[in-house]
């Protein structure tokens, strides 16, 4: 029962985070940005590989953000060892029952174009008590 409640809460949060995420495609086959996975969960201190890409452009450079902070920080987690196609999200070492962050990639060819991924950070040591 407790596990079902946790999973239900996580599904609701992922559904909310998933609205509008994933990628942006400009008109007439213009710039396309993609990031995967678009919505997922991760435990504290774990690392998640994110794959990103800028398509239909000669400038495939992107910048990575965690909750609007370039490359993140110790509070929300960080993007490390990033390139224009891969970034590793490292979750923080503390959180509440579960926290969520948004990882955003922004095209350097057109800084109005972005794609987002929602990540729920779960503390596996948290116990639900009735």
N, C-alpha and C. Protein backbone atom coordinates (compact mmCIF):
# COMPACT_ATOMS: atom_id res chain seq x y z
N UNK A 1 0.82 -1.19 0.00
CA UNK A 1 0.00 0.00 0.00
C UNK A 1 0.87 1.26 0.00
N UNK A 2 1.89 1.29 0.85
CA UNK A 2 2.77 2.45 0.91
C UNK A 2 3.49 2.66 -0.41
N UNK A 3 3.94 1.57 -1.01
CA UNK A 3 4.64 1.66 -2.28
C UNK A 3 3.69 2.17 -3.37
N UNK A 4 2.45 1.75 -3.33
CA UNK A 4 1.47 2.20 -4.32
C UNK A 4 1.22 3.70 -4.20
N UNK A 5 1.20 4.22 -2.97
CA UNK A 5 1.00 5.65 -2.75
C UNK A 5 2.19 6.42 -3.31
N UNK A 6 3.40 5.94 -3.03
CA UNK A 6 4.60 6.61 -3.54
C UNK A 6 4.58 6.62 -5.06
N UNK A 7 4.27 5.48 -5.66
CA UNK A 7 4.24 5.40 -7.12
C UNK A 7 3.17 6.30 -7.72
N UNK A 8 2.02 6.41 -7.06
CA UNK A 8 0.95 7.28 -7.55
C UNK A 8 1.38 8.75 -7.49
N UNK A 9 2.01 9.14 -6.40
CA UNK A 9 2.50 10.52 -6.28
C UNK A 9 3.55 10.80 -7.35
N UNK A 10 4.46 9.86 -7.55
CA UNK A 10 5.50 10.05 -8.56
C UNK A 10 4.89 10.15 -9.95
N UNK A 11 3.89 9.35 -10.25
CA UNK A 11 3.25 9.41 -11.56
C UNK A 11 2.58 10.76 -11.80
N UNK A 12 1.95 11.30 -10.77
CA UNK A 12 1.30 12.61 -10.91
C UNK A 12 2.34 13.68 -11.16
N UNK A 13 3.42 13.67 -10.39
CA UNK A 13 4.46 14.69 -10.57
C UNK A 13 5.10 14.56 -11.94
N UNK A 14 5.39 13.33 -12.39
CA UNK A 14 5.97 13.14 -13.71
C UNK A 14 5.03 13.62 -14.81
N UNK A 15 3.73 13.40 -14.64
CA UNK A 15 2.76 13.86 -15.63
C UNK A 15 2.78 15.39 -15.72
N UNK A 16 2.87 16.05 -14.57
CA UNK A 16 2.91 17.52 -14.55
C UNK A 16 4.20 18.01 -15.18
N UNK A 17 5.33 17.40 -14.81
CA UNK A 17 6.61 17.82 -15.36
C UNK A 17 6.69 17.56 -16.86
N UNK A 18 5.99 16.54 -17.32
CA UNK A 18 6.06 16.16 -18.73
C UNK A 18 5.34 17.09 -19.67
N UNK A 19 4.50 17.96 -19.18
CA UNK A 19 3.75 18.85 -20.06
C UNK A 19 4.70 19.79 -20.77
N UNK A 20 4.75 19.69 -22.07
CA UNK A 20 5.54 20.61 -22.87
C UNK A 20 7.02 20.28 -22.94
N UNK A 21 7.48 19.21 -22.35
CA UNK A 21 8.89 18.89 -22.38
C UNK A 21 9.30 18.15 -23.63
N UNK A 22 10.54 17.73 -23.67
CA UNK A 22 11.00 16.91 -24.76
C UNK A 22 11.75 17.67 -25.83
N UNK A 23 11.04 18.33 -26.71
CA UNK A 23 11.74 18.99 -27.80
C UNK A 23 10.93 20.12 -28.40
N UNK A 24 11.61 20.94 -29.18
CA UNK A 24 10.99 22.08 -29.84
C UNK A 24 11.40 22.03 -31.30
N UNK A 25 10.45 22.15 -32.20
CA UNK A 25 10.75 22.16 -33.61
C UNK A 25 10.26 23.45 -34.20
N UNK A 26 11.15 24.16 -34.88
CA UNK A 26 10.78 25.41 -35.50
C UNK A 26 9.92 25.19 -36.72
N UNK A 27 9.34 26.25 -37.26
CA UNK A 27 8.49 26.14 -38.44
C UNK A 27 9.31 25.71 -39.66
N UNK A 28 8.65 25.03 -40.57
CA UNK A 28 9.26 24.61 -41.84
C UNK A 28 10.52 23.77 -41.64
N UNK A 29 10.48 22.86 -40.67
CA UNK A 29 11.63 21.98 -40.45
C UNK A 29 12.82 22.68 -39.83
N UNK A 30 12.59 23.74 -39.08
CA UNK A 30 13.67 24.50 -38.45
C UNK A 30 14.34 23.73 -37.34
N UNK A 31 15.05 24.44 -36.51
CA UNK A 31 15.83 23.88 -35.42
C UNK A 31 15.00 22.92 -34.56
N UNK A 32 15.56 21.76 -34.30
CA UNK A 32 14.93 20.75 -33.46
C UNK A 32 15.87 20.41 -32.32
N UNK A 33 15.39 20.53 -31.09
CA UNK A 33 16.15 20.15 -29.90
C UNK A 33 15.47 18.96 -29.24
N UNK A 34 16.26 17.99 -28.82
CA UNK A 34 15.72 16.82 -28.12
C UNK A 34 16.57 16.52 -26.91
N UNK A 35 15.91 16.03 -25.85
CA UNK A 35 16.61 15.55 -24.66
C UNK A 35 15.89 14.29 -24.20
N UNK A 36 16.64 13.27 -23.82
CA UNK A 36 16.05 12.04 -23.31
C UNK A 36 16.87 11.53 -22.13
N UNK A 37 16.26 10.89 -21.16
CA UNK A 37 14.82 10.73 -21.04
C UNK A 37 14.17 12.07 -20.69
N UNK A 38 12.88 12.21 -21.04
CA UNK A 38 12.21 13.47 -20.75
C UNK A 38 11.70 13.52 -19.33
N UNK A 39 11.34 12.39 -18.76
CA UNK A 39 10.84 12.35 -17.38
C UNK A 39 11.30 11.05 -16.74
N UNK A 40 11.90 11.17 -15.55
CA UNK A 40 12.41 9.97 -14.89
C UNK A 40 12.59 10.24 -13.40
N UNK A 41 12.99 9.20 -12.68
CA UNK A 41 13.30 9.33 -11.25
C UNK A 41 14.74 8.90 -11.03
N UNK A 42 15.29 9.36 -9.91
CA UNK A 42 16.67 9.04 -9.55
C UNK A 42 16.77 9.10 -8.03
N UNK A 43 17.63 8.28 -7.47
CA UNK A 43 17.87 8.32 -6.02
C UNK A 43 18.92 9.38 -5.70
N UNK A 44 18.95 9.80 -4.45
CA UNK A 44 19.99 10.72 -3.99
C UNK A 44 21.37 10.18 -4.36
N UNK A 45 22.28 11.08 -4.72
CA UNK A 45 23.67 10.74 -5.04
C UNK A 45 23.87 9.90 -6.29
N UNK A 46 22.80 9.52 -6.98
CA UNK A 46 22.95 8.73 -8.20
C UNK A 46 23.25 9.63 -9.39
N UNK A 47 23.70 9.01 -10.46
CA UNK A 47 24.02 9.71 -11.69
C UNK A 47 23.13 9.20 -12.81
N UNK A 48 22.64 10.12 -13.62
CA UNK A 48 21.75 9.80 -14.73
C UNK A 48 22.35 10.35 -16.03
N UNK A 49 22.46 9.48 -17.03
CA UNK A 49 22.96 9.92 -18.33
C UNK A 49 21.80 10.51 -19.14
N UNK A 50 21.98 11.75 -19.60
CA UNK A 50 21.00 12.41 -20.45
C UNK A 50 21.62 12.56 -21.84
N UNK A 51 20.81 12.30 -22.84
CA UNK A 51 21.24 12.45 -24.22
C UNK A 51 20.51 13.64 -24.82
N UNK A 52 21.24 14.50 -25.52
CA UNK A 52 20.64 15.70 -26.09
C UNK A 52 21.13 15.88 -27.51
N UNK A 53 20.38 16.68 -28.26
CA UNK A 53 20.82 16.96 -29.62
C UNK A 53 20.14 18.18 -30.19
N UNK A 54 20.88 18.88 -31.03
CA UNK A 54 20.34 20.01 -31.80
C UNK A 54 20.43 19.59 -33.26
N UNK A 55 19.30 19.62 -33.95
CA UNK A 55 19.23 19.14 -35.33
C UNK A 55 18.72 20.24 -36.25
N UNK A 56 18.94 20.06 -37.54
CA UNK A 56 18.56 21.04 -38.56
C UNK A 56 19.29 22.36 -38.37
N UNK A 57 20.53 22.28 -37.92
CA UNK A 57 21.37 23.46 -37.72
C UNK A 57 22.83 23.06 -37.89
N UNK A 58 23.64 24.00 -38.32
CA UNK A 58 25.08 23.71 -38.41
C UNK A 58 25.76 23.94 -37.06
N UNK A 59 25.13 24.74 -36.19
CA UNK A 59 25.66 24.99 -34.85
C UNK A 59 24.91 24.12 -33.86
N UNK A 60 25.50 23.02 -33.47
CA UNK A 60 24.83 22.07 -32.57
C UNK A 60 25.17 22.31 -31.10
N UNK A 61 25.80 23.42 -30.81
CA UNK A 61 26.19 23.73 -29.43
C UNK A 61 24.97 23.98 -28.56
N UNK A 62 25.01 23.42 -27.36
CA UNK A 62 23.94 23.63 -26.38
C UNK A 62 24.56 23.96 -25.03
N UNK A 63 23.77 24.59 -24.18
CA UNK A 63 24.14 24.80 -22.78
C UNK A 63 23.15 24.03 -21.92
N UNK A 64 23.65 23.53 -20.79
CA UNK A 64 22.86 22.73 -19.86
C UNK A 64 22.51 23.55 -18.63
N UNK A 65 21.27 23.41 -18.15
CA UNK A 65 20.81 24.12 -16.95
C UNK A 65 20.04 23.15 -16.06
N UNK A 66 20.18 23.34 -14.75
CA UNK A 66 19.37 22.62 -13.77
C UNK A 66 18.62 23.68 -12.98
N UNK A 67 17.30 23.67 -13.05
CA UNK A 67 16.46 24.68 -12.41
C UNK A 67 16.98 26.10 -12.72
N UNK A 68 17.25 26.34 -13.99
CA UNK A 68 17.67 27.65 -14.52
C UNK A 68 19.07 28.08 -14.09
N UNK A 69 19.87 27.17 -13.53
CA UNK A 69 21.24 27.48 -13.14
C UNK A 69 22.17 26.72 -14.09
N UNK A 70 23.03 27.45 -14.79
CA UNK A 70 23.90 26.79 -15.75
C UNK A 70 24.74 25.72 -15.06
N UNK A 71 24.63 24.51 -15.57
CA UNK A 71 25.31 23.30 -15.06
C UNK A 71 24.88 22.90 -13.65
N UNK A 72 23.91 23.58 -13.04
CA UNK A 72 23.39 23.21 -11.74
C UNK A 72 24.28 23.63 -10.58
N UNK A 73 23.95 23.06 -9.40
CA UNK A 73 24.72 23.36 -8.19
C UNK A 73 24.55 22.23 -7.18
N UNK A 74 25.08 22.39 -5.97
CA UNK A 74 25.00 21.34 -4.96
C UNK A 74 23.60 21.15 -4.40
N UNK A 75 22.76 22.15 -4.50
CA UNK A 75 21.40 22.05 -3.95
C UNK A 75 20.48 21.26 -4.87
N UNK A 76 20.50 21.57 -6.16
CA UNK A 76 19.59 20.94 -7.12
C UNK A 76 20.20 19.78 -7.89
N UNK A 77 21.50 19.63 -7.79
CA UNK A 77 22.20 18.63 -8.58
C UNK A 77 22.96 19.31 -9.70
N UNK A 78 23.91 18.59 -10.28
CA UNK A 78 24.79 19.17 -11.27
C UNK A 78 24.80 18.36 -12.56
N UNK A 79 25.12 19.05 -13.65
CA UNK A 79 25.43 18.40 -14.92
C UNK A 79 26.96 18.37 -15.01
N UNK A 80 27.51 17.16 -15.16
CA UNK A 80 28.96 17.02 -15.24
C UNK A 80 29.33 16.31 -16.54
N UNK A 81 30.57 16.46 -16.94
CA UNK A 81 31.09 15.80 -18.15
C UNK A 81 30.19 15.99 -19.35
N UNK A 82 29.67 17.21 -19.50
CA UNK A 82 28.73 17.46 -20.57
C UNK A 82 29.42 17.78 -21.89
N UNK A 83 28.73 17.40 -22.96
CA UNK A 83 29.14 17.75 -24.32
C UNK A 83 27.89 18.33 -24.99
N UNK A 84 27.93 18.46 -26.30
CA UNK A 84 26.74 18.92 -27.01
C UNK A 84 25.74 17.79 -27.23
N UNK A 85 26.08 16.57 -26.81
CA UNK A 85 25.15 15.46 -27.00
C UNK A 85 24.91 14.62 -25.76
N UNK A 86 25.73 14.77 -24.71
CA UNK A 86 25.57 13.96 -23.50
C UNK A 86 25.86 14.83 -22.28
N UNK A 87 25.06 14.63 -21.25
CA UNK A 87 25.31 15.26 -19.96
C UNK A 87 24.97 14.26 -18.87
N UNK A 88 25.73 14.26 -17.81
CA UNK A 88 25.46 13.37 -16.69
C UNK A 88 24.93 14.21 -15.54
N UNK A 89 23.67 13.92 -15.15
CA UNK A 89 23.07 14.62 -14.02
C UNK A 89 23.43 13.87 -12.75
N UNK A 90 24.03 14.57 -11.79
CA UNK A 90 24.38 13.98 -10.49
C UNK A 90 23.43 14.59 -9.46
N UNK A 91 22.60 13.74 -8.86
CA UNK A 91 21.62 14.19 -7.88
C UNK A 91 22.31 14.67 -6.61
N UNK A 92 21.68 15.60 -5.90
CA UNK A 92 22.28 16.07 -4.64
C UNK A 92 22.28 14.95 -3.60
N UNK A 93 22.99 15.19 -2.49
CA UNK A 93 23.07 14.17 -1.45
C UNK A 93 21.99 14.28 -0.40
N UNK A 94 21.11 15.30 -0.51
CA UNK A 94 19.99 15.40 0.43
C UNK A 94 18.79 15.99 -0.29
N UNK A 95 17.62 15.60 0.19
CA UNK A 95 16.36 16.07 -0.39
C UNK A 95 15.26 15.81 0.62
N UNK A 96 14.08 16.35 0.35
CA UNK A 96 12.92 16.00 1.17
C UNK A 96 12.44 14.63 0.70
N UNK A 97 11.24 14.24 1.04
CA UNK A 97 10.71 12.93 0.63
C UNK A 97 11.02 12.67 -0.83
N UNK A 98 10.66 13.58 -1.66
CA UNK A 98 11.11 13.59 -3.05
C UNK A 98 11.07 15.04 -3.53
N UNK A 99 12.05 15.41 -4.28
CA UNK A 99 12.12 16.72 -4.89
C UNK A 99 12.13 16.53 -6.39
N UNK A 100 11.83 17.57 -7.11
CA UNK A 100 11.92 17.48 -8.56
C UNK A 100 12.75 18.64 -9.08
N UNK A 101 13.44 18.39 -10.17
CA UNK A 101 14.21 19.41 -10.85
C UNK A 101 13.90 19.35 -12.33
N UNK A 102 14.21 20.42 -13.02
CA UNK A 102 14.07 20.45 -14.47
C UNK A 102 15.44 20.70 -15.08
N UNK A 103 15.86 19.79 -15.94
CA UNK A 103 17.09 19.97 -16.70
C UNK A 103 16.68 20.53 -18.06
N UNK A 104 17.30 21.63 -18.43
CA UNK A 104 16.97 22.31 -19.68
C UNK A 104 18.22 22.41 -20.54
N UNK A 105 18.04 22.16 -21.83
CA UNK A 105 19.11 22.45 -22.78
C UNK A 105 18.66 23.63 -23.62
N UNK A 106 19.59 24.54 -23.92
CA UNK A 106 19.29 25.72 -24.72
C UNK A 106 20.26 25.75 -25.90
N UNK A 107 19.70 25.91 -27.09
CA UNK A 107 20.51 25.98 -28.30
C UNK A 107 21.33 27.26 -28.30
N UNK A 108 22.57 27.14 -28.72
CA UNK A 108 23.40 28.33 -28.88
C UNK A 108 23.26 28.93 -30.27
N UNK A 109 22.64 28.17 -31.19
CA UNK A 109 22.33 28.70 -32.52
C UNK A 109 21.13 29.64 -32.45
N UNK A 110 20.18 29.32 -31.55
CA UNK A 110 18.98 30.14 -31.36
C UNK A 110 18.58 29.99 -29.89
N UNK A 111 18.95 30.94 -29.06
CA UNK A 111 18.75 30.82 -27.61
C UNK A 111 17.28 30.90 -27.19
N UNK A 112 16.37 31.07 -28.15
CA UNK A 112 14.94 31.01 -27.82
C UNK A 112 14.44 29.57 -27.87
N UNK A 113 15.27 28.64 -28.30
CA UNK A 113 14.88 27.23 -28.43
C UNK A 113 15.45 26.43 -27.27
N UNK A 114 14.59 25.65 -26.63
CA UNK A 114 15.02 24.82 -25.51
C UNK A 114 14.22 23.54 -25.46
N UNK A 115 14.72 22.58 -24.71
CA UNK A 115 14.02 21.33 -24.43
C UNK A 115 14.27 20.99 -22.96
N UNK A 116 13.29 20.32 -22.34
CA UNK A 116 13.37 20.08 -20.90
C UNK A 116 13.15 18.62 -20.55
N UNK A 117 13.75 18.23 -19.43
CA UNK A 117 13.54 16.91 -18.84
C UNK A 117 13.22 17.10 -17.36
N UNK A 118 12.19 16.44 -16.89
CA UNK A 118 11.83 16.49 -15.47
C UNK A 118 12.41 15.30 -14.74
N UNK A 119 13.03 15.56 -13.59
CA UNK A 119 13.64 14.49 -12.81
C UNK A 119 13.14 14.59 -11.38
N UNK A 120 12.62 13.48 -10.87
CA UNK A 120 12.22 13.40 -9.46
C UNK A 120 13.36 12.75 -8.69
N UNK A 121 13.78 13.40 -7.62
CA UNK A 121 14.86 12.89 -6.77
C UNK A 121 14.21 12.25 -5.56
N UNK A 122 14.47 10.98 -5.37
CA UNK A 122 13.82 10.21 -4.33
C UNK A 122 14.84 9.79 -3.28
N UNK A 123 14.47 9.93 -2.02
CA UNK A 123 15.32 9.48 -0.92
C UNK A 123 14.92 8.04 -0.58
N UNK A 124 15.74 7.04 -0.94
CA UNK A 124 15.36 5.65 -0.69
C UNK A 124 15.31 5.29 0.79
N UNK A 125 15.86 6.14 1.65
CA UNK A 125 15.85 5.88 3.09
C UNK A 125 14.61 6.42 3.80
N UNK A 126 13.79 7.17 3.06
CA UNK A 126 12.60 7.75 3.68
C UNK A 126 11.57 6.66 3.91
N UNK A 127 11.00 6.66 5.10
CA UNK A 127 9.98 5.67 5.45
C UNK A 127 8.65 6.36 5.64
N UNK A 128 7.60 5.79 5.03
CA UNK A 128 6.25 6.28 5.27
C UNK A 128 5.70 5.57 6.51
N UNK A 129 5.14 6.34 7.42
CA UNK A 129 4.59 5.77 8.64
C UNK A 129 3.11 6.07 8.69
N UNK A 130 2.31 5.06 8.99
CA UNK A 130 0.85 5.25 9.11
C UNK A 130 0.51 5.86 10.42
